[in-house]
Amino acid sequence: MNANGISKINLTEGLAARTLCAIAAGAISITVNTLVLMFADAIGLVTARGGLLTLLLQIIGMPLSALNTSAFWHQLGIPSPGLYSIQLIFHFVVGIGMSVAYGLVVERFLKGSDLVKGLVYAAALWLANAVIILPLIGQGFAGHSVLTITGIVYFALAHTLFFVLLATLYGVFLRKSGVEAAAISSSVRGI
């Protein structure tokens, strides 16, 4: 134990705990986010979704198209990225990726409660989506060219719910795991 009464753990255990907490929090949060967005679909409300996948497909699509990979892709029986199931898998993978990034990197730099951390992370990524991704795919700032104000606001709320829930659950899981930031810091200093 150190002077603060915190048990010293090794760096590997701390990173593993943070990663597992982030994955668990992220899995729950992205599931809730997906259900909230599915509700929007059910009531006929179009929201900003698939922007990152669309951008990535635009970036890699031209070189792949030049290589005529679509015929090869089809022969292999691989589903098209336009299929809902592929988009859903991508949504979950990105959600888990953002969760792990939060747990291993971002959370350490944010100050305040879990709620504040979630709101800050949500705002930063919403702005990146609104200012960079959606304009690059031709939808304008926050998707205003293709969405109603209701769709934009609903997406912002669903997006914020994901990040606030992620930060809150991550904080709860991390505290329950017994891994404290101070313990991880002391491990790093001990290397």
C-alpha atoms as a PDB file:
ATOM      1  CA  MET A   1       0.000   0.000   0.000  1.00  0.00           C
ATOM      2  CA  ASN A   2       1.095   3.532  -0.667  1.00  0.00           C
ATOM      3  CA  ALA A   3       0.847   6.509   1.710  1.00  0.00           C
ATOM      4  CA  ASN A   4      -2.768   7.137   0.624  1.00  0.00           C
ATOM      5  CA  GLY A   5      -3.833   3.626   1.609  1.00  0.00           C
ATOM      6  CA  ILE A   6      -4.302   2.552  -2.023  1.00  0.00           C
ATOM      7  CA  SER A   7      -3.065  -0.883  -2.933  1.00  0.00           C
ATOM      8  CA  LYS A   8      -0.401  -0.800  -5.582  1.00  0.00           C
ATOM      9  CA  ILE A   9      -1.427  -2.740  -8.653  1.00  0.00           C
ATOM     10  CA  ASN A  10       0.626  -3.386 -11.712  1.00  0.00           C
ATOM     11  CA  LEU A  11       0.070  -1.481 -14.929  1.00  0.00           C
ATOM     12  CA  THR A  12      -1.210  -4.519 -16.833  1.00  0.00           C
ATOM     13  CA  GLU A  13      -3.976  -5.167 -14.302  1.00  0.00           C
ATOM     14  CA  GLY A  14      -5.007  -1.495 -14.392  1.00  0.00           C
ATOM     15  CA  LEU A  15      -5.162  -1.366 -18.178  1.00  0.00           C
ATOM     16  CA  ALA A  16      -7.050  -4.658 -18.330  1.00  0.00           C
ATOM     17  CA  ALA A  17      -9.577  -3.431 -15.760  1.00  0.00           C
ATOM     18  CA  ARG A  18     -10.020  -0.099 -17.565  1.00  0.00           C
ATOM     19  CA  THR A  19     -10.451  -1.885 -20.894  1.00  0.00           C
ATOM     20  CA  LEU A  20     -13.014  -4.337 -19.538  1.00  0.00           C
ATOM     21  CA  CYS A  21     -14.929  -1.567 -17.764  1.00  0.00           C
ATOM     22  CA  ALA A  22     -14.947   0.471 -20.974  1.00  0.00           C
ATOM     23  CA  ILE A  23     -16.141  -2.470 -23.085  1.00  0.00           C
ATOM     24  CA  ALA A  24     -18.923  -3.327 -20.614  1.00  0.00           C
ATOM     25  CA  ALA A  25     -20.046   0.308 -20.303  1.00  0.00           C
ATOM     26  CA  GLY A  26     -19.777   0.750 -24.063  1.00  0.00           C
ATOM     27  CA  ALA A  27     -21.787  -2.373 -24.874  1.00  0.00           C
ATOM     28  CA  ILE A  28     -24.661  -1.235 -22.681  1.00  0.00           C
ATOM     29  CA  SER A  29     -24.463   2.372 -23.894  1.00  0.00           C
ATOM     30  CA  ILE A  30     -24.331   1.532 -27.606  1.00  0.00           C
ATOM     31  CA  THR A  31     -27.242  -0.873 -27.194  1.00  0.00           C
ATOM     32  CA  VAL A  32     -29.345   1.849 -25.556  1.00  0.00           C
ATOM     33  CA  ASN A  33     -28.250   4.329 -28.240  1.00  0.00           C
ATOM     34  CA  THR A  34     -29.200   1.893 -30.987  1.00  0.00           C
ATOM     35  CA  LEU A  35     -32.640   1.300 -29.456  1.00  0.00           C
ATOM     36  CA  VAL A  36     -33.227   5.057 -29.186  1.00  0.00           C
ATOM     37  CA  LEU A  37     -32.261   5.486 -32.853  1.00  0.00           C
ATOM     38  CA  MET A  38     -34.473   2.518 -33.846  1.00  0.00           C
ATOM     39  CA  PHE A  39     -37.359   4.265 -32.111  1.00  0.00           C
ATOM     40  CA  ALA A  40     -36.735   7.281 -34.337  1.00  0.00           C
ATOM     41  CA  ASP A  41     -36.952   4.964 -37.358  1.00  0.00           C
ATOM     42  CA  ALA A  42     -40.188   3.468 -36.033  1.00  0.00           C
ATOM     43  CA  ILE A  43     -41.843   6.892 -35.826  1.00  0.00           C
ATOM     44  CA  GLY A  44     -40.457   7.987 -39.203  1.00  0.00           C
ATOM     45  CA  LEU A  45     -37.933  10.488 -37.859  1.00  0.00           C
ATOM     46  CA  VAL A  46     -34.771  10.654 -39.947  1.00  0.00           C
ATOM     47  CA  THR A  47     -31.632  11.246 -37.881  1.00  0.00           C
ATOM     48  CA  ALA A  48     -27.949  11.572 -38.711  1.00  0.00           C
ATOM     49  CA  ARG A  49     -26.614   8.040 -38.837  1.00  0.00           C
ATOM     50  CA  GLY A  50     -24.032   6.305 -40.919  1.00  0.00           C
ATOM     51  CA  GLY A  51     -22.000   9.436 -41.567  1.00  0.00           C
ATOM     52  CA  LEU A  52     -18.648   7.914 -40.652  1.00  0.00           C
ATOM     53  CA  LEU A  53     -19.323   4.721 -42.598  1.00  0.00           C
ATOM     54  CA  THR A  54     -20.456   6.759 -45.607  1.00  0.00           C
ATOM     55  CA  LEU A  55     -17.296   8.880 -45.426  1.00  0.00           C
ATOM     56  CA  LEU A  56     -15.048   5.827 -45.144  1.00  0.00           C
ATOM     57  CA  LEU A  57     -16.798   4.172 -48.082  1.00  0.00           C
ATOM     58  CA  GLN A  58     -16.345   7.345 -50.134  1.00  0.00           C
ATOM     59  CA  ILE A  59     -12.643   7.435 -49.275  1.00  0.00           C
ATOM     60  CA  ILE A  60     -11.897   3.763 -49.960  1.00  0.00           C
ATOM     61  CA  GLY A  61     -14.640   3.280 -52.537  1.00  0.00           C
ATOM     62  CA  MET A  62     -12.862   4.997 -55.410  1.00  0.00           C
ATOM     63  CA  PRO A  63      -9.632   2.978 -55.187  1.00  0.00           C
ATOM     64  CA  LEU A  64     -11.600  -0.250 -54.718  1.00  0.00           C
ATOM     65  CA  SER A  65     -13.861   0.643 -57.614  1.00  0.00           C
ATOM     66  CA  ALA A  66     -10.834   1.216 -59.839  1.00  0.00           C
ATOM     67  CA  LEU A  67      -9.637  -2.289 -58.938  1.00  0.00           C
ATOM     68  CA  ASN A  68     -13.086  -3.703 -59.797  1.00  0.00           C
ATOM     69  CA  THR A  69     -13.338  -5.341 -56.382  1.00  0.00           C
ATOM     70  CA  SER A  70     -17.149  -5.281 -56.295  1.00  0.00           C
ATOM     71  CA  ALA A  71     -17.381  -8.343 -58.577  1.00  0.00           C
ATOM     72  CA  PHE A  72     -14.840 -10.201 -56.431  1.00  0.00           C
ATOM     73  CA  TRP A  73     -16.659  -9.081 -53.265  1.00  0.00           C
ATOM     74  CA  HIS A  74     -19.946 -10.364 -54.694  1.00  0.00           C
ATOM     75  CA  GLN A  75     -18.393 -13.713 -55.715  1.00  0.00           C
ATOM     76  CA  LEU A  76     -17.195 -14.223 -52.148  1.00  0.00           C
ATOM     77  CA  GLY A  77     -20.755 -13.686 -50.940  1.00  0.00           C
ATOM     78  CA  ILE A  78     -19.721 -10.837 -48.647  1.00  0.00           C
ATOM     79  CA  PRO A  79     -22.651  -8.551 -47.858  1.00  0.00           C
ATOM     80  CA  SER A  80     -22.682  -5.000 -49.154  1.00  0.00           C
ATOM     81  CA  PRO A  81     -21.741  -2.230 -46.713  1.00  0.00           C
ATOM     82  CA  GLY A  82     -25.119  -0.700 -47.538  1.00  0.00           C
ATOM     83  CA  LEU A  83     -26.983  -3.513 -45.791  1.00  0.00           C
ATOM     84  CA  TYR A  84     -28.585  -2.569 -42.483  1.00  0.00           C
ATOM     85  CA  SER A  85     -26.900  -5.468 -40.673  1.00  0.00           C
ATOM     86  CA  ILE A  86     -23.445  -4.279 -41.787  1.00  0.00           C
ATOM     87  CA  GLN A  87     -24.275  -0.711 -40.759  1.00  0.00           C
ATOM     88  CA  LEU A  88     -25.455  -1.969 -37.372  1.00  0.00           C
ATOM     89  CA  ILE A  89     -22.260  -3.975 -36.830  1.00  0.00           C
ATOM     90  CA  PHE A  90     -20.201  -0.924 -37.791  1.00  0.00           C
ATOM     91  CA  HIS A  91     -22.236   1.201 -35.351  1.00  0.00           C
ATOM     92  CA  PHE A  92     -21.501  -1.235 -32.514  1.00  0.00           C
ATOM     93  CA  VAL A  93     -17.804  -1.528 -33.377  1.00  0.00           C
ATOM     94  CA  VAL A  94     -17.382   2.255 -33.476  1.00  0.00           C
ATOM     95  CA  GLY A  95     -19.313   2.595 -30.213  1.00  0.00           C
ATOM     96  CA  ILE A  96     -17.084   0.071 -28.476  1.00  0.00           C
ATOM     97  CA  GLY A  97     -14.004   1.733 -29.987  1.00  0.00           C
ATOM     98  CA  MET A  98     -15.064   5.143 -28.655  1.00  0.00           C
ATOM     99  CA  SER A  99     -15.731   3.514 -25.280  1.00  0.00           C
ATOM    100  CA  VAL A 100     -12.260   1.981 -25.083  1.00  0.00           C
ATOM    101  CA  ALA A 101     -10.715   5.289 -26.196  1.00  0.00           C
ATOM    102  CA  TYR A 102     -12.651   6.971 -23.393  1.00  0.00           C
ATOM    103  CA  GLY A 103     -11.537   4.467 -20.772  1.00  0.00           C
ATOM    104  CA  LEU A 104      -7.893   4.307 -21.748  1.00  0.00           C
ATOM    105  CA  VAL A 105      -7.185   7.874 -22.847  1.00  0.00           C
ATOM    106  CA  VAL A 106      -9.909  10.519 -22.770  1.00  0.00           C
ATOM    107  CA  GLU A 107     -11.309  10.005 -19.253  1.00  0.00           C
ATOM    108  CA  ARG A 108      -7.932  10.722 -17.663  1.00  0.00           C
ATOM    109  CA  PHE A 109      -7.780  14.184 -19.217  1.00  0.00           C
ATOM    110  CA  LEU A 110     -11.292  15.300 -18.314  1.00  0.00           C
ATOM    111  CA  LYS A 111     -12.093  16.971 -15.018  1.00  0.00           C
ATOM    112  CA  GLY A 112     -15.333  16.832 -13.089  1.00  0.00           C
ATOM    113  CA  SER A 113     -18.013  14.272 -12.392  1.00  0.00           C
ATOM    114  CA  ASP A 114     -18.815  11.359 -14.670  1.00  0.00           C
ATOM    115  CA  LEU A 115     -21.781  13.376 -15.990  1.00  0.00           C
ATOM    116  CA  VAL A 116     -19.549  16.334 -16.887  1.00  0.00           C
ATOM    117  CA  LYS A 117     -16.988  14.042 -18.519  1.00  0.00           C
ATOM    118  CA  GLY A 118     -19.738  12.409 -20.593  1.00  0.00           C
ATOM    119  CA  LEU A 119     -21.136  15.770 -21.656  1.00  0.00           C
ATOM    120  CA  VAL A 120     -17.697  17.072 -22.672  1.00  0.00           C
ATOM    121  CA  TYR A 121     -16.897  13.901 -24.667  1.00  0.00           C
ATOM    122  CA  ALA A 122     -20.346  14.040 -26.294  1.00  0.00           C
ATOM    123  CA  ALA A 123     -19.953  17.700 -27.267  1.00  0.00           C
ATOM    124  CA  ALA A 124     -16.484  17.188 -28.732  1.00  0.00           C
ATOM    125  CA  LEU A 125     -17.522  14.248 -30.900  1.00  0.00           C
ATOM    126  CA  TRP A 126     -20.860  15.789 -31.888  1.00  0.00           C
ATOM    127  CA  LEU A 127     -18.985  18.857 -33.105  1.00  0.00           C
ATOM    128  CA  ALA A 128     -16.515  16.697 -35.037  1.00  0.00           C
ATOM    129  CA  ASN A 129     -19.428  14.914 -36.702  1.00  0.00           C
ATOM    130  CA  ALA A 130     -21.376  18.136 -37.332  1.00  0.00           C
ATOM    131  CA  VAL A 131     -18.435  20.222 -38.567  1.00  0.00           C
ATOM    132  CA  ILE A 132     -16.285  17.641 -40.372  1.00  0.00           C
ATOM    133  CA  ILE A 133     -17.944  14.328 -41.205  1.00  0.00           C
ATOM    134  CA  LEU A 134     -21.451  15.376 -42.263  1.00  0.00           C
ATOM    135  CA  PRO A 135     -20.248  18.316 -44.405  1.00  0.00           C
ATOM    136  CA  LEU A 136     -17.670  16.047 -46.094  1.00  0.00           C
ATOM    137  CA  ILE A 137     -20.445  13.680 -47.202  1.00  0.00           C
ATOM    138  CA  GLY A 138     -22.533  16.560 -48.537  1.00  0.00           C
ATOM    139  CA  GLN A 139     -25.054  16.865 -45.712  1.00  0.00           C
ATOM    140  CA  GLY A 140     -23.922  20.264 -44.440  1.00  0.00           C
ATOM    141  CA  PHE A 141     -23.394  21.356 -40.853  1.00  0.00           C
ATOM    142  CA  ALA A 142     -25.034  18.810 -38.518  1.00  0.00           C
ATOM    143  CA  GLY A 143     -26.780  17.291 -41.545  1.00  0.00           C
ATOM    144  CA  HIS A 144     -29.017  20.347 -42.046  1.00  0.00           C
ATOM    145  CA  SER A 145     -29.214  19.684 -45.812  1.00  0.00           C
ATOM    146  CA  VAL A 146     -31.004  16.361 -45.321  1.00  0.00           C
ATOM    147  CA  LEU A 147     -32.465  16.487 -41.803  1.00  0.00           C
ATOM    148  CA  THR A 148     -35.210  18.433 -40.116  1.00  0.00           C
ATOM    149  CA  ILE A 149     -34.374  20.385 -36.981  1.00  0.00           C
ATOM    150  CA  THR A 150     -36.229  17.673 -35.054  1.00  0.00           C
ATOM    151  CA  GLY A 151     -33.959  15.015 -36.599  1.00  0.00           C
ATOM    152  CA  ILE A 152     -30.847  17.006 -35.750  1.00  0.00           C
ATOM    153  CA  VAL A 153     -31.938  17.573 -32.141  1.00  0.00           C
ATOM    154  CA  TYR A 154     -33.058  13.957 -31.689  1.00  0.00           C
ATOM    155  CA  PHE A 155     -29.705  12.710 -32.974  1.00  0.00           C
ATOM    156  CA  ALA A 156     -27.841  15.118 -30.674  1.00  0.00           C
ATOM    157  CA  LEU A 157     -29.848  13.837 -27.709  1.00  0.00           C
ATOM    158  CA  ALA A 158     -29.335  10.154 -28.634  1.00  0.00           C
ATOM    159  CA  HIS A 159     -25.632  10.857 -29.144  1.00  0.00           C
ATOM    160  CA  THR A 160     -25.376  12.662 -25.799  1.00  0.00           C
ATOM    161  CA  LEU A 161     -27.254   9.859 -24.046  1.00  0.00           C
ATOM    162  CA  PHE A 162     -24.646   7.391 -25.321  1.00  0.00           C
ATOM    163  CA  PHE A 163     -21.705   9.394 -23.966  1.00  0.00           C
ATOM    164  CA  VAL A 164     -23.283  10.320 -20.631  1.00  0.00           C
ATOM    165  CA  LEU A 165     -24.355   6.717 -20.046  1.00  0.00           C
ATOM    166  CA  LEU A 166     -20.896   5.512 -21.108  1.00  0.00           C
ATOM    167  CA  ALA A 167     -19.078   7.876 -18.726  1.00  0.00           C
ATOM    168  CA  THR A 168     -21.446   7.127 -15.857  1.00  0.00           C
ATOM    169  CA  LEU A 169     -21.312   3.344 -16.242  1.00  0.00           C
ATOM    170  CA  TYR A 170     -17.559   3.398 -16.804  1.00  0.00           C
ATOM    171  CA  GLY A 171     -17.097   5.359 -13.577  1.00  0.00           C
ATOM    172  CA  VAL A 172     -19.339   2.972 -11.636  1.00  0.00           C
ATOM    173  CA  PHE A 173     -17.676  -0.144 -13.062  1.00  0.00           C
ATOM    174  CA  LEU A 174     -14.175   1.229 -12.516  1.00  0.00           C
ATOM    175  CA  ARG A 175     -14.902   2.142  -8.896  1.00  0.00           C
ATOM    176  CA  LYS A 176     -16.438  -1.303  -8.291  1.00  0.00           C
ATOM    177  CA  SER A 177     -13.374  -2.965  -9.843  1.00  0.00           C
ATOM    178  CA  GLY A 178     -11.169  -1.373  -7.194  1.00  0.00           C
ATOM    179  CA  VAL A 179      -8.905   0.239  -9.758  1.00  0.00           C
ATOM    180  CA  GLU A 180      -8.334   3.862  -8.937  1.00  0.00           C
ATOM    181  CA  ALA A 181      -6.507   6.365 -11.097  1.00  0.00           C
ATOM    182  CA  ALA A 182      -4.041   6.948  -8.276  1.00  0.00           C
ATOM    183  CA  ALA A 183      -3.214   3.255  -8.129  1.00  0.00           C
ATOM    184  CA  ILE A 184      -2.569   3.156 -11.861  1.00  0.00           C
ATOM    185  CA  SER A 185      -0.453   6.303 -11.643  1.00  0.00           C
ATOM    186  CA  SER A 186       1.643   4.776  -8.878  1.00  0.00           C
ATOM    187  CA  SER A 187       2.177   1.704 -11.038  1.00  0.00           C
ATOM    188  CA  VAL A 188       3.391   3.833 -13.913  1.00  0.00           C
ATOM    189  CA  ARG A 189       5.821   5.711 -11.645  1.00  0.00           C
ATOM    190  CA  GLY A 190       7.110   2.358 -10.312  1.00  0.00           C
ATOM    191  CA  ILE A 191       8.170   1.134 -13.768  1.00  0.00           C
END
